[in-house]
């Protein structure tokens, strides 16, 4: 449990980081008067960089979230093995594997992240209620 001083420090630091992340685009893309060709070139390179980030970050973020979501339950399933039960995976991993598979299939089929995440989540909730 955090004490009050540590919690306050964390709150201030996280608040500053969030404020910086929210205000940085406005700082970088503010309009300046009297732009020269050199500034236009810099502006174009910056725009190109942000277009790359915009296209790459969603896929990277979803990949990190997917591996993070799968890591803990898989570790628990592996840790649940006893020497007498080698090769048998606990039933708890079945809903996880099925939901991950259906999420991937739905995303490949429809190319809609919201649809695929909702479909995988619904299947996971249904299977955990049944199993």
C-alpha atoms as a PDB file:
ATOM      1  CA  UNK A   1       0.000   0.000   0.000  1.00  0.00           C
ATOM      2  CA  UNK A   2       1.294   3.411  -0.887  1.00  0.00           C
ATOM      3  CA  UNK A   3       1.609   6.082   1.738  1.00  0.00           C
ATOM      4  CA  UNK A   4       0.082   9.502   1.094  1.00  0.00           C
ATOM      5  CA  UNK A   5       3.345  11.188   0.089  1.00  0.00           C
ATOM      6  CA  UNK A   6       4.245   8.507  -2.477  1.00  0.00           C
ATOM      7  CA  UNK A   7       0.720   8.515  -3.912  1.00  0.00           C
ATOM      8  CA  UNK A   8       0.833  12.301  -4.251  1.00  0.00           C
ATOM      9  CA  UNK A   9       4.210  12.178  -6.024  1.00  0.00           C
ATOM     10  CA  UNK A  10       2.934   9.505  -8.426  1.00  0.00           C
ATOM     11  CA  UNK A  11      -0.209  11.523  -9.118  1.00  0.00           C
ATOM     12  CA  UNK A  12       1.766  14.684  -9.911  1.00  0.00           C
ATOM     13  CA  UNK A  13       4.255  12.840 -12.154  1.00  0.00           C
ATOM     14  CA  UNK A  14       1.547  10.939 -14.052  1.00  0.00           C
ATOM     15  CA  UNK A  15      -0.511  14.126 -14.369  1.00  0.00           C
ATOM     16  CA  UNK A  16       2.510  15.921 -15.851  1.00  0.00           C
ATOM     17  CA  UNK A  17       3.151  13.124 -18.332  1.00  0.00           C
ATOM     18  CA  UNK A  18      -0.502  13.064 -19.413  1.00  0.00           C
ATOM     19  CA  UNK A  19      -0.537  16.862 -19.758  1.00  0.00           C
ATOM     20  CA  UNK A  20       2.640  16.747 -21.854  1.00  0.00           C
ATOM     21  CA  UNK A  21       1.237  13.999 -24.098  1.00  0.00           C
ATOM     22  CA  UNK A  22      -1.994  15.927 -24.617  1.00  0.00           C
ATOM     23  CA  UNK A  23      -0.362  19.306 -25.258  1.00  0.00           C
ATOM     24  CA  UNK A  24       2.618  18.182 -27.373  1.00  0.00           C
ATOM     25  CA  UNK A  25       0.705  18.035 -30.698  1.00  0.00           C
ATOM     26  CA  UNK A  26      -0.566  21.578 -30.158  1.00  0.00           C
ATOM     27  CA  UNK A  27       2.947  22.789 -29.395  1.00  0.00           C
ATOM     28  CA  UNK A  28       4.491  21.040 -32.405  1.00  0.00           C
ATOM     29  CA  UNK A  29       1.823  22.019 -34.934  1.00  0.00           C
ATOM     30  CA  UNK A  30       1.060  25.576 -33.904  1.00  0.00           C
ATOM     31  CA  UNK A  31       0.934  28.075 -36.740  1.00  0.00           C
ATOM     32  CA  UNK A  32       3.888  30.454 -37.018  1.00  0.00           C
ATOM     33  CA  UNK A  33       3.966  33.627 -39.056  1.00  0.00           C
ATOM     34  CA  UNK A  34       6.714  34.251 -41.593  1.00  0.00           C
ATOM     35  CA  UNK A  35       7.602  30.637 -42.354  1.00  0.00           C
ATOM     36  CA  UNK A  36      10.587  30.175 -44.644  1.00  0.00           C
ATOM     37  CA  UNK A  37      11.352  27.279 -46.991  1.00  0.00           C
ATOM     38  CA  UNK A  38      13.615  25.672 -44.379  1.00  0.00           C
ATOM     39  CA  UNK A  39      10.792  25.667 -41.850  1.00  0.00           C
ATOM     40  CA  UNK A  40       8.420  24.244 -44.459  1.00  0.00           C
ATOM     41  CA  UNK A  41      10.868  21.370 -45.057  1.00  0.00           C
ATOM     42  CA  UNK A  42      11.049  20.665 -41.320  1.00  0.00           C
ATOM     43  CA  UNK A  43       7.282  20.828 -41.090  1.00  0.00           C
ATOM     44  CA  UNK A  44       6.940  18.338 -43.968  1.00  0.00           C
ATOM     45  CA  UNK A  45       9.424  15.915 -42.348  1.00  0.00           C
ATOM     46  CA  UNK A  46       7.592  16.177 -39.041  1.00  0.00           C
ATOM     47  CA  UNK A  47       4.275  15.526 -40.791  1.00  0.00           C
ATOM     48  CA  UNK A  48       5.798  12.483 -42.520  1.00  0.00           C
ATOM     49  CA  UNK A  49       7.100  11.173 -39.195  1.00  0.00           C
ATOM     50  CA  UNK A  50       3.695  11.514 -37.527  1.00  0.00           C
ATOM     51  CA  UNK A  51       1.999   9.790 -40.458  1.00  0.00           C
ATOM     52  CA  UNK A  52       4.375   6.858 -39.958  1.00  0.00           C
ATOM     53  CA  UNK A  53       3.698   6.796 -36.205  1.00  0.00           C
ATOM     54  CA  UNK A  54      -0.036   7.005 -36.851  1.00  0.00           C
ATOM     55  CA  UNK A  55       0.100   3.967 -39.119  1.00  0.00           C
ATOM     56  CA  UNK A  56       2.481   1.854 -36.983  1.00  0.00           C
ATOM     57  CA  UNK A  57       1.457   2.507 -33.382  1.00  0.00           C
ATOM     58  CA  UNK A  58      -2.042   0.924 -33.408  1.00  0.00           C
ATOM     59  CA  UNK A  59      -0.690  -2.428 -34.610  1.00  0.00           C
ATOM     60  CA  UNK A  60       2.181  -2.324 -32.117  1.00  0.00           C
ATOM     61  CA  UNK A  61      -0.145  -1.367 -29.263  1.00  0.00           C
ATOM     62  CA  UNK A  62      -2.605  -4.159 -30.098  1.00  0.00           C
ATOM     63  CA  UNK A  63       0.229  -6.690 -30.298  1.00  0.00           C
ATOM     64  CA  UNK A  64       1.601  -5.659 -26.906  1.00  0.00           C
ATOM     65  CA  UNK A  65      -1.887  -5.798 -25.375  1.00  0.00           C
ATOM     66  CA  UNK A  66      -2.553  -9.225 -26.895  1.00  0.00           C
ATOM     67  CA  UNK A  67       0.701 -10.702 -25.572  1.00  0.00           C
ATOM     68  CA  UNK A  68       0.097  -9.088 -22.185  1.00  0.00           C
ATOM     69  CA  UNK A  69      -3.421 -10.529 -22.021  1.00  0.00           C
ATOM     70  CA  UNK A  70      -2.195 -14.009 -22.954  1.00  0.00           C
ATOM     71  CA  UNK A  71       0.968 -14.117 -20.822  1.00  0.00           C
ATOM     72  CA  UNK A  72      -0.505 -14.355 -17.329  1.00  0.00           C
ATOM     73  CA  UNK A  73      -3.155 -17.058 -17.967  1.00  0.00           C
ATOM     74  CA  UNK A  74      -0.700 -19.171 -19.973  1.00  0.00           C
ATOM     75  CA  UNK A  75       1.866 -18.899 -17.165  1.00  0.00           C
ATOM     76  CA  UNK A  76      -0.776 -19.925 -14.621  1.00  0.00           C
ATOM     77  CA  UNK A  77      -1.765 -22.912 -16.764  1.00  0.00           C
ATOM     78  CA  UNK A  78       1.856 -24.020 -17.095  1.00  0.00           C
ATOM     79  CA  UNK A  79       2.481 -23.519 -13.358  1.00  0.00           C
ATOM     80  CA  UNK A  80      -0.587 -25.635 -12.564  1.00  0.00           C
ATOM     81  CA  UNK A  81       1.103 -28.742 -14.009  1.00  0.00           C
ATOM     82  CA  UNK A  82       2.231 -31.341 -11.571  1.00  0.00           C
ATOM     83  CA  UNK A  83       4.779 -34.051 -12.391  1.00  0.00           C
ATOM     84  CA  UNK A  84       1.917 -36.591 -12.575  1.00  0.00           C
ATOM     85  CA  UNK A  85      -0.002 -34.567 -15.186  1.00  0.00           C
ATOM     86  CA  UNK A  86       2.677 -33.914 -17.789  1.00  0.00           C
ATOM     87  CA  UNK A  87       1.312 -32.813 -21.117  1.00  0.00           C
ATOM     88  CA  UNK A  88      -2.166 -31.990 -19.824  1.00  0.00           C
ATOM     89  CA  UNK A  89      -3.143 -28.343 -19.944  1.00  0.00           C
ATOM     90  CA  UNK A  90      -5.763 -27.093 -17.538  1.00  0.00           C
ATOM     91  CA  UNK A  91      -9.222 -26.323 -18.876  1.00  0.00           C
ATOM     92  CA  UNK A  92      -8.773 -22.647 -18.009  1.00  0.00           C
ATOM     93  CA  UNK A  93      -6.664 -22.091 -21.090  1.00  0.00           C
ATOM     94  CA  UNK A  94      -9.351 -23.340 -23.508  1.00  0.00           C
ATOM     95  CA  UNK A  95     -11.525 -20.178 -23.365  1.00  0.00           C
ATOM     96  CA  UNK A  96      -8.421 -18.034 -23.697  1.00  0.00           C
ATOM     97  CA  UNK A  97      -7.105 -19.889 -26.747  1.00  0.00           C
ATOM     98  CA  UNK A  98     -10.536 -19.990 -28.410  1.00  0.00           C
ATOM     99  CA  UNK A  99     -11.129 -16.279 -27.812  1.00  0.00           C
ATOM    100  CA  UNK A 100      -7.679 -15.359 -29.153  1.00  0.00           C
ATOM    101  CA  UNK A 101      -8.267 -17.502 -32.238  1.00  0.00           C
ATOM    102  CA  UNK A 102     -11.737 -16.086 -32.944  1.00  0.00           C
ATOM    103  CA  UNK A 103     -10.456 -12.545 -32.433  1.00  0.00           C
ATOM    104  CA  UNK A 104      -7.736 -13.124 -35.017  1.00  0.00           C
ATOM    105  CA  UNK A 105     -10.140 -14.790 -37.465  1.00  0.00           C
ATOM    106  CA  UNK A 106     -12.737 -12.028 -37.109  1.00  0.00           C
ATOM    107  CA  UNK A 107     -10.098  -9.363 -37.597  1.00  0.00           C
ATOM    108  CA  UNK A 108      -8.688 -11.024 -40.710  1.00  0.00           C
ATOM    109  CA  UNK A 109     -12.217 -11.462 -42.054  1.00  0.00           C
ATOM    110  CA  UNK A 110     -13.745  -8.037 -41.295  1.00  0.00           C
ATOM    111  CA  UNK A 111     -10.680  -5.820 -40.666  1.00  0.00           C
ATOM    112  CA  UNK A 112     -12.620  -4.090 -37.896  1.00  0.00           C
ATOM    113  CA  UNK A 113     -10.822  -3.952 -34.519  1.00  0.00           C
ATOM    114  CA  UNK A 114     -13.977  -3.167 -32.535  1.00  0.00           C
ATOM    115  CA  UNK A 115     -15.895  -6.066 -34.097  1.00  0.00           C
ATOM    116  CA  UNK A 116     -13.069  -8.543 -33.557  1.00  0.00           C
ATOM    117  CA  UNK A 117     -12.399  -7.462 -29.954  1.00  0.00           C
ATOM    118  CA  UNK A 118     -16.108  -7.619 -29.071  1.00  0.00           C
ATOM    119  CA  UNK A 119     -16.470 -11.031 -30.733  1.00  0.00           C
ATOM    120  CA  UNK A 120     -13.456 -12.463 -28.919  1.00  0.00           C
ATOM    121  CA  UNK A 121     -14.557 -10.990 -25.593  1.00  0.00           C
ATOM    122  CA  UNK A 122     -18.088 -12.341 -25.986  1.00  0.00           C
ATOM    123  CA  UNK A 123     -16.781 -15.824 -26.773  1.00  0.00           C
ATOM    124  CA  UNK A 124     -14.372 -15.708 -23.820  1.00  0.00           C
ATOM    125  CA  UNK A 125     -17.149 -14.662 -21.411  1.00  0.00           C
ATOM    126  CA  UNK A 126     -19.463 -17.376 -22.757  1.00  0.00           C
ATOM    127  CA  UNK A 127     -16.841 -20.124 -22.492  1.00  0.00           C
ATOM    128  CA  UNK A 128     -15.736 -19.103 -18.987  1.00  0.00           C
ATOM    129  CA  UNK A 129     -19.373 -19.253 -17.876  1.00  0.00           C
ATOM    130  CA  UNK A 130     -19.819 -22.712 -19.398  1.00  0.00           C
ATOM    131  CA  UNK A 131     -16.505 -24.365 -18.465  1.00  0.00           C
END
